[in-house]
């Protein structure tokens, strides 16, 4: 190992491993995910509930859009406190309940999944640890095969979680086009890894606040980008849907607040571009890899569901590089732990 390799942060190494982690998921878990899909009784499912917090919750937002657009099921986020704090027992006998957790160890998520399983829901745990309490709480388990992740800021586990969701929905929908596109993930993620989005991160780091704009399949990644900016740079960053930001949040955005636009294309692409253009006209600095005059390098047209995930890779890379440049402890930000346990 060279001296330069030894001085790389854990986060930097884990971001660099994203294409390889994706390839491992496809190689090791594609058939297992298809088996989980085949084991579900979809005729008995009326709706879906997706449970997760933090980065896992943002992966869940991406999955909910996939479930609604590709499977035609209404999908809602779970509220674990309904079970752990209010003592309620939601009627979930007709639900597809999906628990997402990298560690699989947050007591509230585990308790809510146990209640869902006991209530008759068809439960799936998407986890990095197949022997975790979360995995044991569900009827089916999808290991994401990301490998050990030591940096507090989750990166490769988030990407693999979203890819696992893509594979699951493709199998349930019998969508060969989506399944084929997902097989190209390692190559697409490697292309994303080569993109330099440091101009955005450098503008964000001294700013009082920042914003990230997405919509549809890009909304979960937008929320994840905002969370990572707060974790790694210590800057408060808010994420909004392009359909929401113009309704009220626009009034709080100033020229000192950098805006990152995440647009993976597809049906909501024009909405995202219109919102970014509106915010740019009021003086806000806008960074985006799409549009008529992109300020960042972009991926070019591709499968929307996959590219929404791939856009996270240059986000992670830029944030890590900027935090390292500033001398921040990028692997263990102040006050944060790798596993956050809530009840």
C-alpha atoms as a PDB file:
ATOM      1  CA  UNK A   1       0.000   0.000   0.000  1.00  0.00           C
ATOM      2  CA  UNK A   2       1.401   3.388  -0.936  1.00  0.00           C
ATOM      3  CA  UNK A   3       1.691   6.350   1.415  1.00  0.00           C
ATOM      4  CA  UNK A   4      -1.069   8.137  -0.515  1.00  0.00           C
ATOM      5  CA  UNK A   5      -3.356   5.129  -0.057  1.00  0.00           C
ATOM      6  CA  UNK A   6      -2.680   5.103   3.713  1.00  0.00           C
ATOM      7  CA  UNK A   7      -3.706   8.736   4.053  1.00  0.00           C
ATOM      8  CA  UNK A   8      -7.048   8.340   2.290  1.00  0.00           C
ATOM      9  CA  UNK A   9     -10.067   8.649   4.555  1.00  0.00           C
ATOM     10  CA  UNK A  10     -12.286   5.635   5.069  1.00  0.00           C
ATOM     11  CA  UNK A  11     -15.105   7.540   3.429  1.00  0.00           C
ATOM     12  CA  UNK A  12     -12.966   8.183   0.346  1.00  0.00           C
ATOM     13  CA  UNK A  13     -12.107   4.504   0.076  1.00  0.00           C
ATOM     14  CA  UNK A  14     -15.711   3.449   0.514  1.00  0.00           C
ATOM     15  CA  UNK A  15     -16.935   5.877  -2.133  1.00  0.00           C
ATOM     16  CA  UNK A  16     -14.294   4.492  -4.502  1.00  0.00           C
ATOM     17  CA  UNK A  17     -15.608   0.973  -3.780  1.00  0.00           C
ATOM     18  CA  UNK A  18     -19.147   1.785  -4.926  1.00  0.00           C
ATOM     19  CA  UNK A  19     -18.887   0.277  -8.446  1.00  0.00           C
ATOM     20  CA  UNK A  20     -17.304  -2.901  -7.057  1.00  0.00           C
ATOM     21  CA  UNK A  21     -19.904  -3.154  -4.284  1.00  0.00           C
ATOM     22  CA  UNK A  22     -22.649  -2.852  -6.901  1.00  0.00           C
ATOM     23  CA  UNK A  23     -21.079  -5.616  -8.974  1.00  0.00           C
ATOM     24  CA  UNK A  24     -20.937  -7.831  -5.881  1.00  0.00           C
ATOM     25  CA  UNK A  25     -24.637  -7.262  -5.183  1.00  0.00           C
ATOM     26  CA  UNK A  26     -25.542  -8.181  -8.758  1.00  0.00           C
ATOM     27  CA  UNK A  27     -23.339 -11.272  -8.717  1.00  0.00           C
ATOM     28  CA  UNK A  28     -24.274 -12.578  -5.283  1.00  0.00           C
ATOM     29  CA  UNK A  29     -27.854 -11.491  -4.631  1.00  0.00           C
ATOM     30  CA  UNK A  30     -29.681 -11.120  -7.947  1.00  0.00           C
ATOM     31  CA  UNK A  31     -31.080 -14.671  -7.827  1.00  0.00           C
ATOM     32  CA  UNK A  32     -31.878 -14.415  -4.127  1.00  0.00           C
ATOM     33  CA  UNK A  33     -33.838 -11.204  -4.726  1.00  0.00           C
ATOM     34  CA  UNK A  34     -35.775 -12.908  -7.523  1.00  0.00           C
ATOM     35  CA  UNK A  35     -36.591 -15.743  -5.112  1.00  0.00           C
ATOM     36  CA  UNK A  36     -37.902 -13.269  -2.532  1.00  0.00           C
ATOM     37  CA  UNK A  37     -40.078 -11.668  -5.205  1.00  0.00           C
ATOM     38  CA  UNK A  38     -41.418 -15.072  -6.255  1.00  0.00           C
ATOM     39  CA  UNK A  39     -42.238 -15.975  -2.639  1.00  0.00           C
ATOM     40  CA  UNK A  40     -44.511 -12.948  -2.164  1.00  0.00           C
ATOM     41  CA  UNK A  41     -48.254 -13.375  -2.599  1.00  0.00           C
ATOM     42  CA  UNK A  42     -48.880 -10.204  -4.568  1.00  0.00           C
ATOM     43  CA  UNK A  43     -52.586 -11.008  -4.943  1.00  0.00           C
ATOM     44  CA  UNK A  44     -52.949 -10.494  -1.197  1.00  0.00           C
ATOM     45  CA  UNK A  45     -51.126  -7.157  -1.124  1.00  0.00           C
ATOM     46  CA  UNK A  46     -53.156  -3.938  -1.271  1.00  0.00           C
ATOM     47  CA  UNK A  47     -50.444  -1.425  -0.351  1.00  0.00           C
ATOM     48  CA  UNK A  48     -46.818  -1.059   0.685  1.00  0.00           C
ATOM     49  CA  UNK A  49     -45.172   0.428   3.774  1.00  0.00           C
ATOM     50  CA  UNK A  50     -41.471   1.288   3.774  1.00  0.00           C
ATOM     51  CA  UNK A  51     -39.586   1.764   7.042  1.00  0.00           C
ATOM     52  CA  UNK A  52     -36.187   3.396   7.533  1.00  0.00           C
ATOM     53  CA  UNK A  53     -34.454   6.394   9.070  1.00  0.00           C
ATOM     54  CA  UNK A  54     -31.746   8.739   7.835  1.00  0.00           C
ATOM     55  CA  UNK A  55     -30.015   7.472   4.698  1.00  0.00           C
ATOM     56  CA  UNK A  56     -32.128   4.308   4.814  1.00  0.00           C
ATOM     57  CA  UNK A  57     -35.247   6.476   4.844  1.00  0.00           C
ATOM     58  CA  UNK A  58     -34.023   8.326   1.763  1.00  0.00           C
ATOM     59  CA  UNK A  59     -33.391   4.998   0.032  1.00  0.00           C
ATOM     60  CA  UNK A  60     -36.947   4.167   1.052  1.00  0.00           C
ATOM     61  CA  UNK A  61     -38.259   7.293  -0.672  1.00  0.00           C
ATOM     62  CA  UNK A  62     -36.608   6.163  -3.907  1.00  0.00           C
ATOM     63  CA  UNK A  63     -38.139   2.700  -3.434  1.00  0.00           C
ATOM     64  CA  UNK A  64     -41.610   4.096  -2.750  1.00  0.00           C
ATOM     65  CA  UNK A  65     -41.593   5.949  -6.064  1.00  0.00           C
ATOM     66  CA  UNK A  66     -40.571   2.728  -7.799  1.00  0.00           C
ATOM     67  CA  UNK A  67     -43.328   0.757  -6.086  1.00  0.00           C
ATOM     68  CA  UNK A  68     -45.985   3.289  -7.010  1.00  0.00           C
ATOM     69  CA  UNK A  69     -44.867   3.871 -10.603  1.00  0.00           C
ATOM     70  CA  UNK A  70     -43.875   0.300 -11.532  1.00  0.00           C
ATOM     71  CA  UNK A  71     -46.196  -1.819  -9.372  1.00  0.00           C
ATOM     72  CA  UNK A  72     -49.226   0.462  -9.049  1.00  0.00           C
ATOM     73  CA  UNK A  73     -49.365   0.071  -5.275  1.00  0.00           C
ATOM     74  CA  UNK A  74     -49.838   2.969  -2.905  1.00  0.00           C
ATOM     75  CA  UNK A  75     -46.703   3.203  -0.749  1.00  0.00           C
ATOM     76  CA  UNK A  76     -46.336   5.060   2.546  1.00  0.00           C
ATOM     77  CA  UNK A  77     -43.469   5.668   4.977  1.00  0.00           C
ATOM     78  CA  UNK A  78     -43.718   3.845   8.307  1.00  0.00           C
ATOM     79  CA  UNK A  79     -43.851   5.706  11.612  1.00  0.00           C
ATOM     80  CA  UNK A  80     -42.211   3.315  14.103  1.00  0.00           C
ATOM     81  CA  UNK A  81     -43.203   5.471  17.088  1.00  0.00           C
ATOM     82  CA  UNK A  82     -46.813   4.450  16.425  1.00  0.00           C
ATOM     83  CA  UNK A  83     -45.769   1.044  17.739  1.00  0.00           C
ATOM     84  CA  UNK A  84     -42.940   1.872  20.167  1.00  0.00           C
ATOM     85  CA  UNK A  85     -44.327   5.042  21.777  1.00  0.00           C
ATOM     86  CA  UNK A  86     -48.082   4.974  21.212  1.00  0.00           C
ATOM     87  CA  UNK A  87     -48.513   1.230  21.643  1.00  0.00           C
ATOM     88  CA  UNK A  88     -50.704   0.904  18.560  1.00  0.00           C
ATOM     89  CA  UNK A  89     -51.006  -2.202  16.401  1.00  0.00           C
ATOM     90  CA  UNK A  90     -51.653  -1.107  12.793  1.00  0.00           C
ATOM     91  CA  UNK A  91     -53.677  -3.526  10.643  1.00  0.00           C
ATOM     92  CA  UNK A  92     -51.078  -4.615   8.109  1.00  0.00           C
ATOM     93  CA  UNK A  93     -52.384  -7.993   6.994  1.00  0.00           C
ATOM     94  CA  UNK A  94     -52.606  -6.851   3.367  1.00  0.00           C
ATOM     95  CA  UNK A  95     -49.358  -4.883   3.372  1.00  0.00           C
ATOM     96  CA  UNK A  96     -45.991  -5.376   1.768  1.00  0.00           C
ATOM     97  CA  UNK A  97     -43.762  -4.076   4.564  1.00  0.00           C
ATOM     98  CA  UNK A  98     -40.138  -3.311   3.699  1.00  0.00           C
ATOM     99  CA  UNK A  99     -37.633  -2.479   6.416  1.00  0.00           C
ATOM    100  CA  UNK A 100     -34.433  -0.750   5.266  1.00  0.00           C
ATOM    101  CA  UNK A 101     -31.482  -0.514   7.632  1.00  0.00           C
ATOM    102  CA  UNK A 102     -27.759  -0.728   7.023  1.00  0.00           C
ATOM    103  CA  UNK A 103     -26.955  -1.914  10.557  1.00  0.00           C
ATOM    104  CA  UNK A 104     -30.308  -3.546  11.258  1.00  0.00           C
ATOM    105  CA  UNK A 105     -30.024  -2.617  14.922  1.00  0.00           C
ATOM    106  CA  UNK A 106     -32.265   0.356  15.674  1.00  0.00           C
ATOM    107  CA  UNK A 107     -34.773  -0.867  18.303  1.00  0.00           C
ATOM    108  CA  UNK A 108     -37.735   1.127  17.004  1.00  0.00           C
ATOM    109  CA  UNK A 109     -37.346  -0.142  13.443  1.00  0.00           C
ATOM    110  CA  UNK A 110     -36.984  -3.714  14.686  1.00  0.00           C
ATOM    111  CA  UNK A 111     -40.030  -3.461  16.965  1.00  0.00           C
ATOM    112  CA  UNK A 112     -42.198  -1.997  14.193  1.00  0.00           C
ATOM    113  CA  UNK A 113     -41.131  -4.767  11.811  1.00  0.00           C
ATOM    114  CA  UNK A 114     -41.893  -7.419  14.416  1.00  0.00           C
ATOM    115  CA  UNK A 115     -45.371  -5.946  14.848  1.00  0.00           C
ATOM    116  CA  UNK A 116     -45.903  -5.895  11.077  1.00  0.00           C
ATOM    117  CA  UNK A 117     -44.861  -9.542  10.767  1.00  0.00           C
ATOM    118  CA  UNK A 118     -47.142 -10.536  13.644  1.00  0.00           C
ATOM    119  CA  UNK A 119     -49.996  -8.601  12.017  1.00  0.00           C
ATOM    120  CA  UNK A 120     -49.673 -10.745   8.887  1.00  0.00           C
ATOM    121  CA  UNK A 121     -47.751  -8.390   6.620  1.00  0.00           C
ATOM    122  CA  UNK A 122     -45.379  -9.819   4.043  1.00  0.00           C
ATOM    123  CA  UNK A 123     -42.192  -8.351   5.471  1.00  0.00           C
ATOM    124  CA  UNK A 124     -38.787  -7.902   3.842  1.00  0.00           C
ATOM    125  CA  UNK A 125     -35.585  -6.629   5.446  1.00  0.00           C
ATOM    126  CA  UNK A 126     -33.085  -4.941   3.128  1.00  0.00           C
ATOM    127  CA  UNK A 127     -29.934  -4.945   5.257  1.00  0.00           C
ATOM    128  CA  UNK A 128     -26.159  -5.129   5.124  1.00  0.00           C
ATOM    129  CA  UNK A 129     -26.084  -7.632   7.992  1.00  0.00           C
ATOM    130  CA  UNK A 130     -28.200 -10.682   7.245  1.00  0.00           C
ATOM    131  CA  UNK A 131     -27.971 -11.813  10.892  1.00  0.00           C
ATOM    132  CA  UNK A 132     -29.063  -8.507  12.418  1.00  0.00           C
ATOM    133  CA  UNK A 133     -32.179  -8.114  14.599  1.00  0.00           C
ATOM    134  CA  UNK A 134     -33.937  -6.355  11.712  1.00  0.00           C
ATOM    135  CA  UNK A 135     -33.337  -9.323   9.431  1.00  0.00           C
ATOM    136  CA  UNK A 136     -34.662 -11.716  12.059  1.00  0.00           C
ATOM    137  CA  UNK A 137     -37.801  -9.591  12.490  1.00  0.00           C
ATOM    138  CA  UNK A 138     -38.907 -10.082   8.865  1.00  0.00           C
ATOM    139  CA  UNK A 139     -40.116 -13.044   6.826  1.00  0.00           C
ATOM    140  CA  UNK A 140     -37.676 -12.403   3.984  1.00  0.00           C
ATOM    141  CA  UNK A 141     -34.178 -10.929   3.888  1.00  0.00           C
ATOM    142  CA  UNK A 142     -32.271  -9.196   1.082  1.00  0.00           C
ATOM    143  CA  UNK A 143     -28.587  -8.730   1.989  1.00  0.00           C
ATOM    144  CA  UNK A 144     -27.088  -5.814   0.059  1.00  0.00           C
ATOM    145  CA  UNK A 145     -23.555  -7.284   0.008  1.00  0.00           C
ATOM    146  CA  UNK A 146     -21.886  -3.885   0.390  1.00  0.00           C
ATOM    147  CA  UNK A 147     -19.144  -5.217   2.662  1.00  0.00           C
ATOM    148  CA  UNK A 148     -17.907  -3.499   5.829  1.00  0.00           C
ATOM    149  CA  UNK A 149     -18.556   0.239   6.013  1.00  0.00           C
ATOM    150  CA  UNK A 150     -16.559   2.016   8.721  1.00  0.00           C
ATOM    151  CA  UNK A 151     -17.046   5.719   8.000  1.00  0.00           C
ATOM    152  CA  UNK A 152     -19.979   7.218   9.871  1.00  0.00           C
ATOM    153  CA  UNK A 153     -21.390   8.709   6.665  1.00  0.00           C
ATOM    154  CA  UNK A 154     -23.044   5.849   4.769  1.00  0.00           C
ATOM    155  CA  UNK A 155     -22.206   5.767   1.063  1.00  0.00           C
ATOM    156  CA  UNK A 156     -21.765   2.399  -0.624  1.00  0.00           C
ATOM    157  CA  UNK A 157     -24.458   0.878   1.590  1.00  0.00           C
ATOM    158  CA  UNK A 158     -26.934   3.534   0.452  1.00  0.00           C
ATOM    159  CA  UNK A 159     -26.203   2.909  -3.214  1.00  0.00           C
ATOM    160  CA  UNK A 160     -26.457  -0.874  -2.833  1.00  0.00           C
ATOM    161  CA  UNK A 161     -29.685  -0.545  -0.872  1.00  0.00           C
ATOM    162  CA  UNK A 162     -31.241   1.467  -3.681  1.00  0.00           C
ATOM    163  CA  UNK A 163     -29.961  -1.017  -6.262  1.00  0.00           C
ATOM    164  CA  UNK A 164     -31.476  -3.890  -4.277  1.00  0.00           C
ATOM    165  CA  UNK A 165     -34.793  -2.046  -4.396  1.00  0.00           C
ATOM    166  CA  UNK A 166     -34.446  -1.681  -8.157  1.00  0.00           C
ATOM    167  CA  UNK A 167     -33.850  -5.415  -8.547  1.00  0.00           C
ATOM    168  CA  UNK A 168     -36.794  -6.273  -6.290  1.00  0.00           C
ATOM    169  CA  UNK A 169     -39.237  -4.039  -8.143  1.00  0.00           C
ATOM    170  CA  UNK A 170     -37.961  -5.208 -11.542  1.00  0.00           C
ATOM    171  CA  UNK A 171     -38.594  -8.806 -10.481  1.00  0.00           C
ATOM    172  CA  UNK A 172     -42.055  -8.072  -9.059  1.00  0.00           C
ATOM    173  CA  UNK A 173     -43.065  -6.083 -12.142  1.00  0.00           C
ATOM    174  CA  UNK A 174     -41.432  -8.592 -14.507  1.00  0.00           C
ATOM    175  CA  UNK A 175     -39.801  -5.530 -16.045  1.00  0.00           C
ATOM    176  CA  UNK A 176     -36.988  -6.856 -18.211  1.00  0.00           C
ATOM    177  CA  UNK A 177     -35.924  -3.381 -19.354  1.00  0.00           C
ATOM    178  CA  UNK A 178     -35.410  -2.224 -15.756  1.00  0.00           C
ATOM    179  CA  UNK A 179     -33.628  -5.444 -14.833  1.00  0.00           C
ATOM    180  CA  UNK A 180     -31.307  -5.095 -17.832  1.00  0.00           C
ATOM    181  CA  UNK A 181     -30.556  -1.453 -16.999  1.00  0.00           C
ATOM    182  CA  UNK A 182     -29.737  -2.401 -13.419  1.00  0.00           C
ATOM    183  CA  UNK A 183     -27.122  -4.881 -14.684  1.00  0.00           C
ATOM    184  CA  UNK A 184     -25.208  -1.911 -16.106  1.00  0.00           C
ATOM    185  CA  UNK A 185     -24.970  -0.287 -12.655  1.00  0.00           C
ATOM    186  CA  UNK A 186     -21.253  -0.963 -12.038  1.00  0.00           C
ATOM    187  CA  UNK A 187     -20.284   0.735 -15.297  1.00  0.00           C
ATOM    188  CA  UNK A 188     -22.686   3.636 -14.777  1.00  0.00           C
ATOM    189  CA  UNK A 189     -21.495   4.149 -11.211  1.00  0.00           C
ATOM    190  CA  UNK A 190     -17.875   4.112 -12.386  1.00  0.00           C
ATOM    191  CA  UNK A 191     -18.754   6.882 -14.853  1.00  0.00           C
ATOM    192  CA  UNK A 192     -20.375   8.836 -12.017  1.00  0.00           C
ATOM    193  CA  UNK A 193     -17.281   8.361  -9.847  1.00  0.00           C
ATOM    194  CA  UNK A 194     -15.221  10.184 -12.474  1.00  0.00           C
ATOM    195  CA  UNK A 195     -17.417  13.310 -12.297  1.00  0.00           C
ATOM    196  CA  UNK A 196     -15.945  16.264 -10.409  1.00  0.00           C
ATOM    197  CA  UNK A 197     -18.615  18.177  -8.512  1.00  0.00           C
ATOM    198  CA  UNK A 198     -16.154  19.981  -6.256  1.00  0.00           C
ATOM    199  CA  UNK A 199     -17.259  23.476  -7.433  1.00  0.00           C
ATOM    200  CA  UNK A 200     -20.584  22.889  -5.677  1.00  0.00           C
ATOM    201  CA  UNK A 201     -19.014  21.554  -2.464  1.00  0.00           C
ATOM    202  CA  UNK A 202     -16.486  24.397  -2.355  1.00  0.00           C
ATOM    203  CA  UNK A 203     -19.266  26.954  -2.693  1.00  0.00           C
ATOM    204  CA  UNK A 204     -21.336  25.176  -0.059  1.00  0.00           C
ATOM    205  CA  UNK A 205     -18.723  24.758   2.678  1.00  0.00           C
ATOM    206  CA  UNK A 206     -18.551  28.464   3.728  1.00  0.00           C
ATOM    207  CA  UNK A 207     -22.254  29.094   3.099  1.00  0.00           C
ATOM    208  CA  UNK A 208     -24.748  29.646   5.939  1.00  0.00           C
ATOM    209  CA  UNK A 209     -27.049  27.023   4.379  1.00  0.00           C
ATOM    210  CA  UNK A 210     -27.740  25.203   1.139  1.00  0.00           C
ATOM    211  CA  UNK A 211     -30.551  23.542  -0.777  1.00  0.00           C
ATOM    212  CA  UNK A 212     -30.921  20.444  -2.958  1.00  0.00           C
ATOM    213  CA  UNK A 213     -33.740  20.152  -5.478  1.00  0.00           C
ATOM    214  CA  UNK A 214     -35.093  16.933  -6.977  1.00  0.00           C
ATOM    215  CA  UNK A 215     -38.450  15.349  -7.738  1.00  0.00           C
ATOM    216  CA  UNK A 216     -39.887  11.893  -8.219  1.00  0.00           C
ATOM    217  CA  UNK A 217     -37.150   9.284  -8.348  1.00  0.00           C
ATOM    218  CA  UNK A 218     -34.583  12.012  -7.633  1.00  0.00           C
ATOM    219  CA  UNK A 219     -36.258  13.179  -4.416  1.00  0.00           C
ATOM    220  CA  UNK A 220     -34.822  10.450  -2.193  1.00  0.00           C
ATOM    221  CA  UNK A 221     -31.301  11.059  -3.537  1.00  0.00           C
ATOM    222  CA  UNK A 222     -31.807  14.819  -3.056  1.00  0.00           C
ATOM    223  CA  UNK A 223     -32.665  14.256   0.599  1.00  0.00           C
ATOM    224  CA  UNK A 224     -29.675  11.949   0.947  1.00  0.00           C
ATOM    225  CA  UNK A 225     -27.364  14.571  -0.597  1.00  0.00           C
ATOM    226  CA  UNK A 226     -28.663  17.165   1.878  1.00  0.00           C
ATOM    227  CA  UNK A 227     -28.127  14.828   4.821  1.00  0.00           C
ATOM    228  CA  UNK A 228     -24.576  13.991   3.743  1.00  0.00           C
ATOM    229  CA  UNK A 229     -23.713  17.669   3.354  1.00  0.00           C
ATOM    230  CA  UNK A 230     -24.889  18.322   6.898  1.00  0.00           C
ATOM    231  CA  UNK A 231     -22.989  15.309   8.270  1.00  0.00           C
ATOM    232  CA  UNK A 232     -19.727  15.799   6.419  1.00  0.00           C
ATOM    233  CA  UNK A 233     -19.446  19.600   6.080  1.00  0.00           C
ATOM    234  CA  UNK A 234     -21.540  20.652   9.064  1.00  0.00           C
ATOM    235  CA  UNK A 235     -23.642  22.957   6.874  1.00  0.00           C
ATOM    236  CA  UNK A 236     -27.440  22.905   7.259  1.00  0.00           C
ATOM    237  CA  UNK A 237     -28.861  21.821   3.907  1.00  0.00           C
ATOM    238  CA  UNK A 238     -32.538  21.329   3.033  1.00  0.00           C
ATOM    239  CA  UNK A 239     -33.918  19.188   0.218  1.00  0.00           C
ATOM    240  CA  UNK A 240     -37.165  19.956  -1.566  1.00  0.00           C
ATOM    241  CA  UNK A 241     -39.188  18.614  -4.412  1.00  0.00           C
ATOM    242  CA  UNK A 242     -39.204  20.930  -7.419  1.00  0.00           C
ATOM    243  CA  UNK A 243     -42.978  20.953  -7.006  1.00  0.00           C
ATOM    244  CA  UNK A 244     -42.724  22.161  -3.403  1.00  0.00           C
ATOM    245  CA  UNK A 245     -39.839  24.612  -3.369  1.00  0.00           C
ATOM    246  CA  UNK A 246     -41.695  27.296  -5.315  1.00  0.00           C
ATOM    247  CA  UNK A 247     -44.699  27.200  -2.976  1.00  0.00           C
ATOM    248  CA  UNK A 248     -42.991  28.695   0.071  1.00  0.00           C
ATOM    249  CA  UNK A 249     -39.374  27.654   0.626  1.00  0.00           C
ATOM    250  CA  UNK A 250     -38.365  29.870  -2.305  1.00  0.00           C
ATOM    251  CA  UNK A 251     -38.900  32.907  -0.056  1.00  0.00           C
ATOM    252  CA  UNK A 252     -36.086  31.768   2.264  1.00  0.00           C
ATOM    253  CA  UNK A 253     -33.482  31.116  -0.449  1.00  0.00           C
ATOM    254  CA  UNK A 254     -30.857  33.841  -0.843  1.00  0.00           C
ATOM    255  CA  UNK A 255     -27.845  34.430  -3.061  1.00  0.00           C
ATOM    256  CA  UNK A 256     -25.639  33.079  -0.259  1.00  0.00           C
ATOM    257  CA  UNK A 257     -27.357  29.684  -0.442  1.00  0.00           C
ATOM    258  CA  UNK A 258     -25.936  27.323  -3.102  1.00  0.00           C
ATOM    259  CA  UNK A 259     -28.472  25.089  -4.820  1.00  0.00           C
ATOM    260  CA  UNK A 260     -27.718  21.618  -6.158  1.00  0.00           C
ATOM    261  CA  UNK A 261     -30.132  20.250  -8.735  1.00  0.00           C
ATOM    262  CA  UNK A 262     -30.445  16.478  -9.128  1.00  0.00           C
ATOM    263  CA  UNK A 263     -32.226  15.627 -12.360  1.00  0.00           C
ATOM    264  CA  UNK A 264     -32.037  12.059 -13.626  1.00  0.00           C
ATOM    265  CA  UNK A 265     -34.370  12.732 -16.546  1.00  0.00           C
ATOM    266  CA  UNK A 266     -37.765  11.192 -17.188  1.00  0.00           C
ATOM    267  CA  UNK A 267     -41.243  12.522 -16.639  1.00  0.00           C
ATOM    268  CA  UNK A 268     -40.355  15.205 -14.064  1.00  0.00           C
ATOM    269  CA  UNK A 269     -37.208  16.495 -15.767  1.00  0.00           C
ATOM    270  CA  UNK A 270     -38.782  19.684 -17.111  1.00  0.00           C
ATOM    271  CA  UNK A 271     -40.278  20.474 -13.696  1.00  0.00           C
ATOM    272  CA  UNK A 272     -36.863  20.273 -12.040  1.00  0.00           C
ATOM    273  CA  UNK A 273     -35.244  22.428 -14.722  1.00  0.00           C
ATOM    274  CA  UNK A 274     -38.020  25.033 -14.468  1.00  0.00           C
ATOM    275  CA  UNK A 275     -37.589  25.259 -10.685  1.00  0.00           C
ATOM    276  CA  UNK A 276     -33.806  25.602 -10.977  1.00  0.00           C
ATOM    277  CA  UNK A 277     -34.189  28.310 -13.615  1.00  0.00           C
ATOM    278  CA  UNK A 278     -36.620  30.224 -11.415  1.00  0.00           C
ATOM    279  CA  UNK A 279     -34.278  30.067  -8.431  1.00  0.00           C
ATOM    280  CA  UNK A 280     -31.329  31.060 -10.594  1.00  0.00           C
ATOM    281  CA  UNK A 281     -33.152  34.150 -11.850  1.00  0.00           C
ATOM    282  CA  UNK A 282     -33.629  35.369  -8.288  1.00  0.00           C
ATOM    283  CA  UNK A 283     -29.848  35.290  -7.787  1.00  0.00           C
ATOM    284  CA  UNK A 284     -29.217  31.912  -6.215  1.00  0.00           C
ATOM    285  CA  UNK A 285     -26.089  30.039  -7.398  1.00  0.00           C
ATOM    286  CA  UNK A 286     -27.321  26.869  -9.103  1.00  0.00           C
ATOM    287  CA  UNK A 287     -25.168  23.776  -9.670  1.00  0.00           C
ATOM    288  CA  UNK A 288     -26.428  21.001 -11.920  1.00  0.00           C
ATOM    289  CA  UNK A 289     -25.153  18.475 -14.435  1.00  0.00           C
ATOM    290  CA  UNK A 290     -28.212  18.903 -16.640  1.00  0.00           C
ATOM    291  CA  UNK A 291     -30.027  21.700 -18.455  1.00  0.00           C
ATOM    292  CA  UNK A 292     -29.123  23.925 -21.382  1.00  0.00           C
ATOM    293  CA  UNK A 293     -25.974  25.227 -19.689  1.00  0.00           C
ATOM    294  CA  UNK A 294     -24.895  22.713 -17.035  1.00  0.00           C
ATOM    295  CA  UNK A 295     -22.471  24.001 -14.419  1.00  0.00           C
ATOM    296  CA  UNK A 296     -21.299  20.502 -13.496  1.00  0.00           C
ATOM    297  CA  UNK A 297     -20.283  17.502 -15.548  1.00  0.00           C
ATOM    298  CA  UNK A 298     -23.236  15.181 -16.109  1.00  0.00           C
ATOM    299  CA  UNK A 299     -23.851  11.548 -16.969  1.00  0.00           C
ATOM    300  CA  UNK A 300     -25.881  12.058 -20.112  1.00  0.00           C
ATOM    301  CA  UNK A 301     -29.184  10.262 -20.831  1.00  0.00           C
ATOM    302  CA  UNK A 302     -29.755   6.892 -19.208  1.00  0.00           C
ATOM    303  CA  UNK A 303     -32.268   4.856 -17.194  1.00  0.00           C
ATOM    304  CA  UNK A 304     -33.895   7.364 -14.846  1.00  0.00           C
ATOM    305  CA  UNK A 305     -34.264   5.035 -11.860  1.00  0.00           C
ATOM    306  CA  UNK A 306     -30.587   4.044 -12.024  1.00  0.00           C
ATOM    307  CA  UNK A 307     -29.215   7.514 -12.746  1.00  0.00           C
ATOM    308  CA  UNK A 308     -31.089   8.969  -9.782  1.00  0.00           C
ATOM    309  CA  UNK A 309     -28.880   6.691  -7.677  1.00  0.00           C
ATOM    310  CA  UNK A 310     -25.705   7.289  -9.684  1.00  0.00           C
ATOM    311  CA  UNK A 311     -25.894  11.053  -9.100  1.00  0.00           C
ATOM    312  CA  UNK A 312     -25.139  10.416  -5.433  1.00  0.00           C
ATOM    313  CA  UNK A 313     -21.625   9.230  -6.251  1.00  0.00           C
ATOM    314  CA  UNK A 314     -20.165  12.614  -7.328  1.00  0.00           C
ATOM    315  CA  UNK A 315     -22.024  14.169  -4.388  1.00  0.00           C
ATOM    316  CA  UNK A 316     -20.274  11.846  -1.937  1.00  0.00           C
ATOM    317  CA  UNK A 317     -16.908  12.319  -3.623  1.00  0.00           C
ATOM    318  CA  UNK A 318     -17.135  16.121  -3.648  1.00  0.00           C
ATOM    319  CA  UNK A 319     -18.261  16.356  -0.018  1.00  0.00           C
ATOM    320  CA  UNK A 320     -15.482  14.066   1.197  1.00  0.00           C
ATOM    321  CA  UNK A 321     -12.817  15.977  -0.748  1.00  0.00           C
ATOM    322  CA  UNK A 322     -13.987  19.345   0.543  1.00  0.00           C
ATOM    323  CA  UNK A 323     -14.232  18.170   4.149  1.00  0.00           C
ATOM    324  CA  UNK A 324     -10.737  16.695   3.925  1.00  0.00           C
ATOM    325  CA  UNK A 325      -9.420  19.939   2.427  1.00  0.00           C
ATOM    326  CA  UNK A 326     -10.852  21.824   5.388  1.00  0.00           C
ATOM    327  CA  UNK A 327      -9.282  19.412   7.879  1.00  0.00           C
ATOM    328  CA  UNK A 328     -12.602  18.043   9.148  1.00  0.00           C
ATOM    329  CA  UNK A 329     -12.814  14.557  10.620  1.00  0.00           C
ATOM    330  CA  UNK A 330     -14.688  13.153   7.661  1.00  0.00           C
ATOM    331  CA  UNK A 331     -14.845   9.581   9.002  1.00  0.00           C
ATOM    332  CA  UNK A 332     -16.255  10.487  12.404  1.00  0.00           C
ATOM    333  CA  UNK A 333     -18.040  13.855  12.391  1.00  0.00           C
ATOM    334  CA  UNK A 334     -18.567  15.457  15.822  1.00  0.00           C
ATOM    335  CA  UNK A 335     -21.403  13.976  17.850  1.00  0.00           C
ATOM    336  CA  UNK A 336     -22.293  11.197  15.377  1.00  0.00           C
ATOM    337  CA  UNK A 337     -22.122   7.415  15.705  1.00  0.00           C
ATOM    338  CA  UNK A 338     -22.215   4.777  12.990  1.00  0.00           C
ATOM    339  CA  UNK A 339     -25.251   3.097  14.532  1.00  0.00           C
ATOM    340  CA  UNK A 340     -27.974   5.383  15.861  1.00  0.00           C
ATOM    341  CA  UNK A 341     -30.434   3.606  18.161  1.00  0.00           C
ATOM    342  CA  UNK A 342     -33.839   5.196  18.661  1.00  0.00           C
ATOM    343  CA  UNK A 343     -36.997   3.931  20.323  1.00  0.00           C
END
